[in-house]
Amino acid sequence: MNVNQAPSAPLDVLVMAAGKGTRMKSSRPKVLHAIAGRALLQHVLDTAASLPTRQVVVITGHGADAVEAACHGWVGAADANVAYALSFARQEPQLGTGHAVQQAMPQLGDDGVVLVLSGDVPLIRSDTLMHLLQACAGERLALLTLQLADPSGYGRIVRATPTGPTAEAEVLAIVEHKDASAEQRAIREVYSGIMAVPARRLRQWLARLDNANAQAEYYLTDIVKFAVADGFPVVAHCIADALQVAGVNSPAQLAELERAYQAGVARGLLEAGVQLADPARLDVRGDLRCAHDVFIDVNCVFEGQVHLGAGVRVGAHCVLANAVIEDGAVIHPFTHIDGEALGVTVGAGARIGPFARLRPGARLGADVHIGNFVEVKNSTLGRGAKANHLAYLGDASVGERVNFGAGSITANYDGANKHRSVIEDDVHVGSNCVLVAPLTLGAGGTVGAGSTLTRDTAPGALSVARSKAISVANWKRPAKRAAD
């Protein structure tokens, strides 16, 4: 089977996202809870985008306004590669899965294949869905199934007796757990909640649904018995990977799938040659790309777009978001780098941290050193510049080989506007200095410790701006008065 072959009919995807998720014990709609920094529903929409999808209809109910607004935000993002049309159908009240699909059918044409997905099943893979679509081929009702050691709670796949030793038994029905007999509950093949079906047939079968069952709901799975009664072929594509079809109904299940997702990311990194101190203590919540000979210590978090160049080392307990770390740089433990929309660049061979913070717009050249409790924001630092201790550089242009002393800051904000400081090559700024922007420190100059500068300085000059020291001989501190 060629899973890269497009389906024979247009593909329309329905995503079930109307449930409340009572066991989540949260005011947030269940499908908006996150795995790897992205909502469950967002993972499903990403998978739909990887298929030859014509349109996606998201079926909403509980928290519909929030869910629909979030979907528009994801699909409308500048980096989204989405070719399908997105729309919504409201299910109010929620009367079962069949009722949910009925709400979406007016938006679907009869010329396509409908793929039904669940918004709380985030790890389904596109190659699995392509296999399912190939099994459907626009001519069959195709169910995604799996074998479980404990199938409790799942709809069972009921098959006819095989006609021969190698024949696959025909699918006759899906029986929901609460409606199943003791014999049927012993069946281990279960329905995953995912199916592919020709739209024209789906419309006909949905019109025949009733709610004569233990839950008084309209089950989508009842269309299987209608297909069988009509002589329409029903096939099942069975997989072994239960994680792909695992849903989220509780915080515990959300945490389990988070770790499963991260384990898969870690395996991919290891296979690509990245050295992980402990694959179980890694969180990637975006797109992490690594060149060769990268080492990542424990409990690091990567968010947004992060690129690590050759030979980069990331120490323990670091958070890196939207940053480019060039070849040979070392990020020491407990460093926080977050480029947000502007990004952060750390040059080749640079040394950052421990306990450093790089904020949006930080552009550090080669061999720059940023030490403990130093914050850099919207500033450029030239090759070999150093700020090793307890400093703040904001809205600054720092030249090559500058030494920025401990406790020194650029005072870039006047209460209404930001102003820029320019520190030219080879300047030495002593400890505990305040540079009140806007100003320029000329190349090769020195600023004495404890100075507050408000004016430009000449190249090569020594600049000192502090009050004269006063020493009072034999001065005594005030004494405490005796208690009353």
Foldseek 3Di string as FASTA:
>chain_A
DDLVDAFPFAEEEEEEQADQLVQAVDLDRQQQDDFLQGGLLLLVVVLCQVHNHAAYEYEYERVRVVVVVVVCVSCVDPPHPHDYHYYYFYDPPAFEDLSSVVRVLVVDDQGGKYKYHYSQQRQAHNSLVSVQSVVPSLQAKEFEKEFDPQQPQFWAFDFDDAPDPPGDTFTQFTHGNVQDDPVRNVGGIGTLRIIMHRSNLLVVLSVVFFQPGPSSGTYSRVSSNVCVVVVGGYYYDYDHDVSNSDGDSYPVSSVVNSQVVQLVVLVVCVVVAEAEQDSSFERRNEDEAEDHQEYEYGNEYEHHYEYEEANEYEEYCEYAYQEYEYAQEYHYPCEYEYQDPQYEYAEHCEYEEDCEYEYHLEYEYHHEYHYHCEYEYNEYAEAQEYEHECEYHYQEYHEHNEYAEHQEYEQQDPPDDGAYDYEYAQEYEYHNEYEYDDEYEAHNEYEDHNAYDDYYYYHNYYHYHDDDDDDDPPDDDDDDDDDD
